[in-house]
């Protein structure tokens, strides 16, 4: 076997593994195909062809050559933030041809086997922090905050069980929704605590497929109809599983009176609560998803940029445009942070931003109002959530070309300074 044949096989294996890793990280498939083409060109495969789907990657080094398929089964659990950062480090080196294909394949396999930076106890604490942060954004009472953190610990246990036994992964959203909703309804109906829907919404929001649904809209808009439709179906299924769990809890334990299912803001903590919530969500994501070292400050910067744009956009323009502006600025800042010498990849700081922007909490609140026979408000909230999600997806679509324009302008300015 010639050296060129061996190199081609190693390059093909590396590109397939790299594409699978980027897919598991949650990157849009049109971006993955563009990145893989850059890597292929860097190694001399200028005619390489790629097809990226949510469950596998297909490629051929040249037209007419046999195509090879690589499933993403080994990375089906997705990647943590530290793994995502490591994959993008390999990608940056590969785009410049700085590593051999064999070394690149080895590093991708090592990344897939990386252990979390934080142990189970810290991850459970991180879920409590994350759910408390989401609850703060929803302007809760002190009781809501305590209950949401407690339910966050419970949800974390469910997620760790699902991570250990793959066969239970699909039923865990239903189980978590049933248990959390049942406890919430019992507490609210029994008068044991002055709680409202926020104590239930915040922990269940960690199951909401906001990133999946938004990426689905982005991919459909980019012409990737098969992948976009697949993600859309997956996200809708997960929402339906959550809904089934809540409906089952309502039928099992009964709903409290409608006036006890408060969904309007009942902030008894202070006006600073939502502003602190953005910071708490960043810390919770860092602990739960093993943020890479030195990324917490950048993560806070990106999340606050999106949150501030959404907040003031809501004051000036209203709900839909607030989500659009928040997603637009969050996207631009995330990609600008990636250009900094110590900045993490955009995907590391971008995906946690959906906890602040995607109004999935409104969907759950609307569903519960619907169950409590306030169907008009429930349907209205569901429609608002769908419209806001589309606005966020449009913000992401517009944010990326705006960043590219800024990047080109910065590159031209730097070049002029060097020539001067």
Protein backbone atom coordinates (compact mmCIF):
# COMPACT_ATOMS: atom_id res chain seq x y z
CA UNK A 1 0.00 0.00 0.00
CA UNK A 2 1.48 3.35 -1.04
CA UNK A 3 2.16 6.20 1.34
CA UNK A 4 -0.40 8.39 -0.43
CA UNK A 5 -3.11 5.76 0.04
CA UNK A 6 -2.31 5.48 3.74
CA UNK A 7 -2.39 9.27 4.10
CA UNK A 8 -5.74 9.48 2.29
CA UNK A 9 -7.24 6.87 4.63
CA UNK A 10 -5.92 8.64 7.71
CA UNK A 11 -7.20 11.98 6.42
CA UNK A 12 -10.60 10.51 5.69
CA UNK A 13 -10.80 8.95 9.15
CA UNK A 14 -9.78 12.24 10.78
CA UNK A 15 -12.33 14.30 8.84
CA UNK A 16 -15.11 11.87 9.70
CA UNK A 17 -14.25 11.88 13.41
CA UNK A 18 -13.93 15.66 13.43
CA UNK A 19 -17.30 16.05 11.73
CA UNK A 20 -18.90 13.68 14.23
CA UNK A 21 -17.42 15.62 17.15
CA UNK A 22 -18.65 18.96 15.80
CA UNK A 23 -22.11 17.46 15.29
CA UNK A 24 -22.15 16.19 18.89
CA UNK A 25 -21.10 19.66 20.09
CA UNK A 26 -24.31 21.08 18.59
CA UNK A 27 -22.90 23.11 15.72
CA UNK A 28 -25.15 23.81 12.73
CA UNK A 29 -24.47 21.38 9.88
CA UNK A 30 -23.85 24.09 7.29
CA UNK A 31 -21.08 25.46 9.52
CA UNK A 32 -19.65 21.95 9.99
CA UNK A 33 -19.51 21.32 6.25
CA UNK A 34 -17.76 24.66 5.71
CA UNK A 35 -15.21 23.91 8.45
CA UNK A 36 -14.50 20.42 7.15
CA UNK A 37 -13.91 21.80 3.65
CA UNK A 38 -11.31 24.20 5.06
CA UNK A 39 -9.52 21.35 6.80
CA UNK A 40 -9.64 19.18 3.67
CA UNK A 41 -8.16 22.01 1.57
CA UNK A 42 -5.40 22.50 4.16
CA UNK A 43 -4.33 18.87 3.58
CA UNK A 44 -4.60 19.04 -0.20
CA UNK A 45 -8.03 17.44 -0.66
CA UNK A 46 -9.50 20.40 -2.55
CA UNK A 47 -12.30 18.34 -4.12
CA UNK A 48 -13.58 16.71 -0.93
CA UNK A 49 -17.34 16.38 -0.52
CA UNK A 50 -19.30 16.21 2.76
CA UNK A 51 -22.84 15.50 3.87
CA UNK A 52 -23.49 16.09 7.57
CA UNK A 53 -26.61 14.80 9.32
CA UNK A 54 -27.47 14.70 13.03
CA UNK A 55 -26.57 11.00 13.38
CA UNK A 56 -23.77 10.48 10.87
CA UNK A 57 -21.28 12.11 8.49
CA UNK A 58 -20.68 11.05 4.89
CA UNK A 59 -17.63 12.12 2.89
CA UNK A 60 -15.59 11.44 -0.21
CA UNK A 61 -12.13 12.84 -0.92
CA UNK A 62 -12.86 13.29 -4.64
CA UNK A 63 -15.88 13.04 -6.95
CA UNK A 64 -16.27 9.44 -8.09
CA UNK A 65 -14.33 8.06 -5.11
CA UNK A 66 -16.11 5.69 -2.69
CA UNK A 67 -17.97 7.53 0.07
CA UNK A 68 -17.44 6.64 3.74
CA UNK A 69 -19.96 7.00 6.56
CA UNK A 70 -19.19 7.67 10.23
CA UNK A 71 -22.03 7.44 12.80
CA UNK A 72 -22.00 9.74 15.82
CA UNK A 73 -23.11 6.93 18.14
CA UNK A 74 -19.95 7.13 20.25
CA UNK A 75 -20.69 10.81 20.92
CA UNK A 76 -24.47 10.52 21.12
CA UNK A 77 -24.56 11.99 24.62
CA UNK A 78 -23.26 15.27 23.27
CA UNK A 79 -20.18 17.13 24.40
CA UNK A 80 -19.57 19.15 27.52
CA UNK A 81 -18.16 22.66 27.28
CA UNK A 82 -14.60 21.51 28.03
CA UNK A 83 -14.83 18.82 25.34
CA UNK A 84 -16.24 21.33 22.86
CA UNK A 85 -13.35 23.71 23.54
CA UNK A 86 -10.84 20.87 23.03
CA UNK A 87 -12.48 19.87 19.73
CA UNK A 88 -12.26 23.43 18.43
CA UNK A 89 -8.61 23.60 19.43
CA UNK A 90 -7.97 20.56 17.23
CA UNK A 91 -10.07 22.17 14.49
CA UNK A 92 -8.05 25.39 14.54
CA UNK A 93 -4.80 23.48 14.23
CA UNK A 94 -6.21 21.29 11.46
CA UNK A 95 -7.41 24.30 9.45
CA UNK A 96 -3.77 25.38 9.27
CA UNK A 97 -2.46 21.86 8.65
CA UNK A 98 -0.42 21.91 11.87
CA UNK A 99 -1.19 18.33 12.97
CA UNK A 100 -1.10 15.05 11.11
CA UNK A 101 -4.42 13.31 10.39
CA UNK A 102 -3.38 10.35 12.56
CA UNK A 103 -2.62 12.65 15.50
CA UNK A 104 -5.90 14.49 14.96
CA UNK A 105 -7.89 11.24 15.06
CA UNK A 106 -6.12 10.20 18.26
CA UNK A 107 -6.89 13.51 19.94
CA UNK A 108 -10.59 13.38 18.97
CA UNK A 109 -10.86 9.91 20.51
CA UNK A 110 -9.14 11.14 23.67
CA UNK A 111 -11.55 14.08 23.87
CA UNK A 112 -14.53 11.71 23.63
CA UNK A 113 -13.15 9.84 26.68
CA UNK A 114 -12.41 12.95 28.74
CA UNK A 115 -13.75 12.83 32.28
CA UNK A 116 -15.76 15.82 33.56
CA UNK A 117 -13.73 18.51 35.26
CA UNK A 118 -16.08 18.42 38.25
CA UNK A 119 -17.34 15.41 40.16
CA UNK A 120 -20.98 14.36 40.72
CA UNK A 121 -21.35 16.39 43.93
CA UNK A 122 -20.23 19.61 42.23
CA UNK A 123 -22.50 18.88 39.26
CA UNK A 124 -25.49 18.45 41.59
CA UNK A 125 -24.61 21.75 43.24
CA UNK A 126 -24.27 23.27 39.78
CA UNK A 127 -27.81 22.22 38.86
CA UNK A 128 -29.13 23.83 42.02
CA UNK A 129 -27.28 27.03 41.11
CA UNK A 130 -28.45 26.88 37.47
CA UNK A 131 -32.12 26.40 38.35
CA UNK A 132 -31.89 29.16 40.97
CA UNK A 133 -30.49 31.47 38.30
CA UNK A 134 -33.31 30.67 35.87
CA UNK A 135 -35.80 31.24 38.69
CA UNK A 136 -34.24 34.63 39.47
CA UNK A 137 -34.71 35.68 35.85
CA UNK A 138 -38.43 34.82 36.16
CA UNK A 139 -38.75 37.29 39.08
CA UNK A 140 -39.78 34.87 41.86
CA UNK A 141 -40.50 34.93 45.56
CA UNK A 142 -37.97 33.66 48.10
CA UNK A 143 -39.99 30.45 48.46
CA UNK A 144 -39.86 29.92 44.71
CA UNK A 145 -36.09 30.32 44.78
CA UNK A 146 -35.60 27.76 47.55
CA UNK A 147 -37.98 25.25 45.96
CA UNK A 148 -36.45 25.64 42.49
CA UNK A 149 -32.95 24.97 43.85
CA UNK A 150 -34.27 21.91 45.71
CA UNK A 151 -36.01 20.62 42.60
CA UNK A 152 -32.79 21.33 40.68
CA UNK A 153 -30.96 18.85 42.90
CA UNK A 154 -33.68 16.28 42.19
CA UNK A 155 -33.46 16.86 38.42
CA UNK A 156 -29.68 16.54 38.59
CA UNK A 157 -30.05 13.10 40.15
CA UNK A 158 -32.41 12.08 37.34
CA UNK A 159 -29.90 13.30 34.74
CA UNK A 160 -27.02 11.44 36.34
CA UNK A 161 -29.07 8.24 36.35
CA UNK A 162 -29.87 8.77 32.65
CA UNK A 163 -26.19 9.34 31.88
CA UNK A 164 -25.28 6.01 33.51
CA UNK A 165 -28.08 3.92 31.99
CA UNK A 166 -28.67 4.88 28.38
CA UNK A 167 -31.90 2.87 28.17
CA UNK A 168 -33.51 5.26 30.69
CA UNK A 169 -32.47 8.46 28.90
CA UNK A 170 -35.65 8.93 26.88
CA UNK A 171 -38.02 8.48 29.82
CA UNK A 172 -36.16 10.79 32.21
CA UNK A 173 -37.78 14.02 30.91
CA UNK A 174 -41.20 12.46 31.53
CA UNK A 175 -40.17 11.20 34.96
CA UNK A 176 -38.62 14.50 36.01
CA UNK A 177 -41.60 16.50 34.73
CA UNK A 178 -44.05 14.20 36.53
CA UNK A 179 -42.22 14.28 39.87
CA UNK A 180 -41.46 18.02 39.88
CA UNK A 181 -44.94 18.98 38.68
CA UNK A 182 -46.64 16.65 41.16
CA UNK A 183 -44.64 18.08 44.07
CA UNK A 184 -45.34 21.63 42.88
CA UNK A 185 -49.08 21.00 42.62
CA UNK A 186 -49.19 19.34 46.04
CA UNK A 187 -47.28 22.19 47.70
CA UNK A 188 -49.37 24.89 46.00
CA UNK A 189 -52.68 23.10 46.61
CA UNK A 190 -51.93 22.13 50.20
CA UNK A 191 -50.96 25.64 51.22
CA UNK A 192 -47.66 24.43 52.67
CA UNK A 193 -45.74 27.28 51.06
CA UNK A 194 -46.51 30.44 49.12
CA UNK A 195 -45.17 29.00 45.85
CA UNK A 196 -46.11 29.56 42.22
CA UNK A 197 -45.21 28.14 38.83
CA UNK A 198 -41.63 29.40 38.87
CA UNK A 199 -40.57 26.73 41.33
CA UNK A 200 -41.68 24.14 38.76
CA UNK A 201 -40.63 25.93 35.56
CA UNK A 202 -37.01 26.66 36.51
CA UNK A 203 -35.82 23.03 37.06
CA UNK A 204 -37.81 21.69 34.10
CA UNK A 205 -36.36 24.41 31.87
CA UNK A 206 -33.07 22.48 31.93
CA UNK A 207 -34.83 19.84 29.81
CA UNK A 208 -36.18 22.31 27.27
CA UNK A 209 -34.58 21.84 23.82
CA UNK A 210 -34.17 25.54 23.15
CA UNK A 211 -30.83 25.20 21.38
CA UNK A 212 -32.07 22.26 19.28
CA UNK A 213 -35.19 24.07 18.14
CA UNK A 214 -33.37 27.30 17.36
CA UNK A 215 -30.62 25.48 15.46
CA UNK A 216 -33.35 23.64 13.56
CA UNK A 217 -34.80 26.93 12.36
CA UNK A 218 -31.31 28.18 11.47
CA UNK A 219 -30.55 25.05 9.44
CA UNK A 220 -33.87 25.10 7.61
CA UNK A 221 -33.21 28.75 6.74
CA UNK A 222 -29.76 27.76 5.44
CA UNK A 223 -31.31 25.15 3.12
CA UNK A 224 -30.39 22.13 5.28
CA UNK A 225 -33.94 20.79 5.22
CA UNK A 226 -33.24 17.17 6.25
CA UNK A 227 -31.13 18.07 9.27
CA UNK A 228 -33.30 21.02 10.27
CA UNK A 229 -36.46 18.92 10.10
CA UNK A 230 -34.80 16.12 12.10
CA UNK A 231 -33.76 18.50 14.86
CA UNK A 232 -37.20 20.09 14.84
CA UNK A 233 -38.91 16.72 15.33
CA UNK A 234 -36.45 15.82 18.11
CA UNK A 235 -37.05 19.09 19.92
CA UNK A 236 -40.82 18.87 19.60
CA UNK A 237 -40.76 15.29 20.90
CA UNK A 238 -38.84 16.38 23.98
CA UNK A 239 -41.37 19.15 24.58
CA UNK A 240 -44.20 16.64 24.26
CA UNK A 241 -42.51 14.33 26.76
CA UNK A 242 -42.32 17.19 29.25
CA UNK A 243 -45.95 18.05 28.56
CA UNK A 244 -46.99 14.43 29.10
CA UNK A 245 -45.23 14.37 32.46
CA UNK A 246 -46.98 17.57 33.59
CA UNK A 247 -50.38 16.33 32.38
CA UNK A 248 -49.81 13.00 34.15
CA UNK A 249 -48.97 14.81 37.39
CA UNK A 250 -52.10 16.96 37.07
CA UNK A 251 -54.26 13.87 36.67
CA UNK A 252 -52.49 11.94 39.43
CA UNK A 253 -52.50 14.54 42.22
CA UNK A 254 -55.01 17.08 40.91
CA UNK A 255 -54.51 20.73 40.08
CA UNK A 256 -54.69 23.43 42.73
CA UNK A 257 -57.07 26.33 42.27
CA UNK A 258 -56.33 28.59 39.30
CA UNK A 259 -55.49 31.56 41.52
CA UNK A 260 -52.77 29.49 43.20
CA UNK A 261 -51.02 28.80 39.89
CA UNK A 262 -49.51 32.28 39.69
CA UNK A 263 -47.64 33.01 36.46
CA UNK A 264 -47.37 36.81 36.62
CA UNK A 265 -44.12 38.19 38.11
CA UNK A 266 -44.25 38.09 41.92
CA UNK A 267 -40.77 39.44 42.63
CA UNK A 268 -40.36 39.78 46.40
CA UNK A 269 -36.56 39.65 46.23
CA UNK A 270 -35.74 42.95 44.56
CA UNK A 271 -35.29 44.57 41.17
CA UNK A 272 -31.74 43.24 41.09
CA UNK A 273 -32.91 39.61 40.99
CA UNK A 274 -33.02 39.15 37.16
CA UNK A 275 -29.65 40.90 36.80
CA UNK A 276 -28.10 38.57 39.35
CA UNK A 277 -29.84 35.66 37.63
CA UNK A 278 -27.73 36.04 34.48
CA UNK A 279 -24.55 35.68 36.57
CA UNK A 280 -25.94 32.71 38.50
CA UNK A 281 -26.96 30.97 35.24
CA UNK A 282 -23.40 31.44 33.95
CA UNK A 283 -21.89 29.92 37.09
CA UNK A 284 -24.37 27.04 37.03
CA UNK A 285 -23.59 26.24 33.40
CA UNK A 286 -19.89 26.38 34.16
CA UNK A 287 -20.23 23.82 36.96
CA UNK A 288 -22.78 21.51 35.29
CA UNK A 289 -21.20 21.36 31.83
CA UNK A 290 -17.53 21.51 32.91
CA UNK A 291 -16.62 24.89 31.49
CA UNK A 292 -12.99 25.02 30.31
CA UNK A 293 -10.48 26.79 32.59
CA UNK A 294 -10.56 30.56 32.27
CA UNK A 295 -13.90 30.62 30.42
CA UNK A 296 -16.21 31.79 33.23
CA UNK A 297 -15.49 35.49 32.72
CA UNK A 298 -16.01 35.23 28.97
CA UNK A 299 -19.20 33.25 29.55
CA UNK A 300 -20.55 35.98 31.82
CA UNK A 301 -19.66 38.64 29.24
CA UNK A 302 -21.55 36.85 26.47
CA UNK A 303 -24.59 36.03 28.63
CA UNK A 304 -24.86 39.56 29.96
CA UNK A 305 -24.58 41.03 26.47
CA UNK A 306 -27.55 38.94 25.34
CA UNK A 307 -29.50 39.57 28.54
CA UNK A 308 -28.98 43.35 28.46
CA UNK A 309 -29.98 43.55 24.79
CA UNK A 310 -33.08 41.46 25.50
CA UNK A 311 -33.99 43.52 28.56
CA UNK A 312 -33.77 46.95 26.94
CA UNK A 313 -35.24 45.60 23.72
CA UNK A 314 -38.27 44.49 25.71
CA UNK A 315 -38.62 47.95 27.26
CA UNK A 316 -38.41 49.75 23.91
CA UNK A 317 -39.85 47.35 21.32
CA UNK A 318 -41.69 44.55 23.13
CA UNK A 319 -41.29 40.80 23.54
CA UNK A 320 -40.58 39.53 20.03
CA UNK A 321 -37.95 42.12 19.12
CA UNK A 322 -36.34 41.74 22.54
CA UNK A 323 -35.55 38.09 21.78
CA UNK A 324 -34.29 39.05 18.33
CA UNK A 325 -31.96 41.74 19.68
CA UNK A 326 -30.73 39.52 22.51
CA UNK A 327 -29.87 36.66 20.14
CA UNK A 328 -28.25 39.02 17.64
CA UNK A 329 -25.93 40.67 20.15
CA UNK A 330 -25.20 37.39 21.95
CA UNK A 331 -24.14 35.80 18.65
CA UNK A 332 -21.93 38.71 17.62
CA UNK A 333 -20.23 38.94 21.03
CA UNK A 334 -19.72 35.16 21.24
CA UNK A 335 -17.86 35.13 17.91
CA UNK A 336 -15.87 38.24 18.80
CA UNK A 337 -14.84 36.59 22.09
CA UNK A 338 -13.62 33.61 20.06
CA UNK A 339 -11.10 35.93 18.36
CA UNK A 340 -9.51 36.89 21.69
CA UNK A 341 -6.29 34.99 22.52
CA UNK A 342 -7.81 33.45 25.66
CA UNK A 343 -11.41 33.41 24.44
CA UNK A 344 -13.28 30.09 24.26
CA UNK A 345 -14.94 28.90 21.02
CA UNK A 346 -18.16 30.71 20.21
CA UNK A 347 -20.20 27.57 20.75
CA UNK A 348 -18.97 27.27 24.35
CA UNK A 349 -20.35 30.68 25.32
CA UNK A 350 -23.19 30.75 22.80
CA UNK A 351 -25.20 27.65 23.71
CA UNK A 352 -25.62 28.51 27.44
CA UNK A 353 -27.17 31.78 26.31
CA UNK A 354 -30.32 29.95 25.29
CA UNK A 355 -31.20 29.55 28.97
CA UNK A 356 -31.65 33.32 29.03
CA UNK A 357 -33.18 33.86 25.61
CA UNK A 358 -35.36 30.91 24.65
CA UNK A 359 -38.75 31.51 26.29
CA UNK A 360 -39.39 27.85 26.96
CA UNK A 361 -40.57 28.75 30.44
CA UNK A 362 -43.52 30.53 28.86
CA UNK A 363 -44.47 27.29 27.12
CA UNK A 364 -44.62 25.41 30.42
CA UNK A 365 -46.50 28.22 32.12
CA UNK A 366 -48.95 28.33 29.22
CA UNK A 367 -49.47 24.57 29.41
CA UNK A 368 -50.21 24.73 33.12
CA UNK A 369 -52.62 27.62 32.64
CA UNK A 370 -54.33 25.57 29.96
CA UNK A 371 -54.66 22.65 32.38
CA UNK A 372 -56.09 24.99 35.01
CA UNK A 373 -58.93 25.86 32.62
CA UNK A 374 -57.46 29.25 31.71
CA UNK A 375 -57.21 28.08 28.13
CA UNK A 376 -57.24 31.55 26.55
CA UNK A 377 -54.14 32.68 28.42
CA UNK A 378 -52.52 29.29 28.00
CA UNK A 379 -52.85 29.25 24.20
CA UNK A 380 -51.77 32.89 24.09
CA UNK A 381 -48.58 32.08 26.03
CA UNK A 382 -47.81 29.13 23.78
CA UNK A 383 -48.18 31.27 20.64
CA UNK A 384 -45.99 33.96 22.18
CA UNK A 385 -43.33 31.38 23.00
CA UNK A 386 -43.32 30.11 19.41
CA UNK A 387 -43.10 33.63 18.00
CA UNK A 388 -40.28 34.52 20.39
CA UNK A 389 -38.37 31.39 19.41
CA UNK A 390 -38.60 32.33 15.75
CA UNK A 391 -37.41 35.84 16.61
CA UNK A 392 -34.41 34.37 18.45
CA UNK A 393 -33.57 32.13 15.49
CA UNK A 394 -33.74 35.16 13.19
CA UNK A 395 -31.41 37.02 15.55
CA UNK A 396 -28.89 34.18 15.32
CA UNK A 397 -29.20 34.18 11.51
CA UNK A 398 -28.56 37.92 11.35
CA UNK A 399 -25.86 37.91 14.03
CA UNK A 400 -23.45 35.65 12.15
CA UNK A 401 -23.17 37.74 8.94
CA UNK A 402 -22.89 40.90 11.05
CA UNK A 403 -19.95 39.31 12.88
CA UNK A 404 -18.35 38.35 9.57
CA UNK A 405 -18.66 41.93 8.37
CA UNK A 406 -17.05 43.19 11.58
CA UNK A 407 -14.30 40.58 11.31
CA UNK A 408 -13.49 41.64 7.74
CA UNK A 409 -13.44 45.29 8.78
CA UNK A 410 -11.07 44.51 11.67
CA UNK A 411 -8.82 42.48 9.38
CA UNK A 412 -8.65 45.31 6.83
CA UNK A 413 -7.86 47.84 9.56
CA UNK A 414 -5.09 45.67 10.98
CA UNK A 415 -3.63 45.17 7.52
CA UNK A 416 -3.59 48.90 6.88
CA UNK A 417 -1.89 49.51 10.22
CA UNK A 418 0.79 46.94 9.35
CA UNK A 419 1.37 48.50 5.92
CA UNK A 420 1.56 51.97 7.44
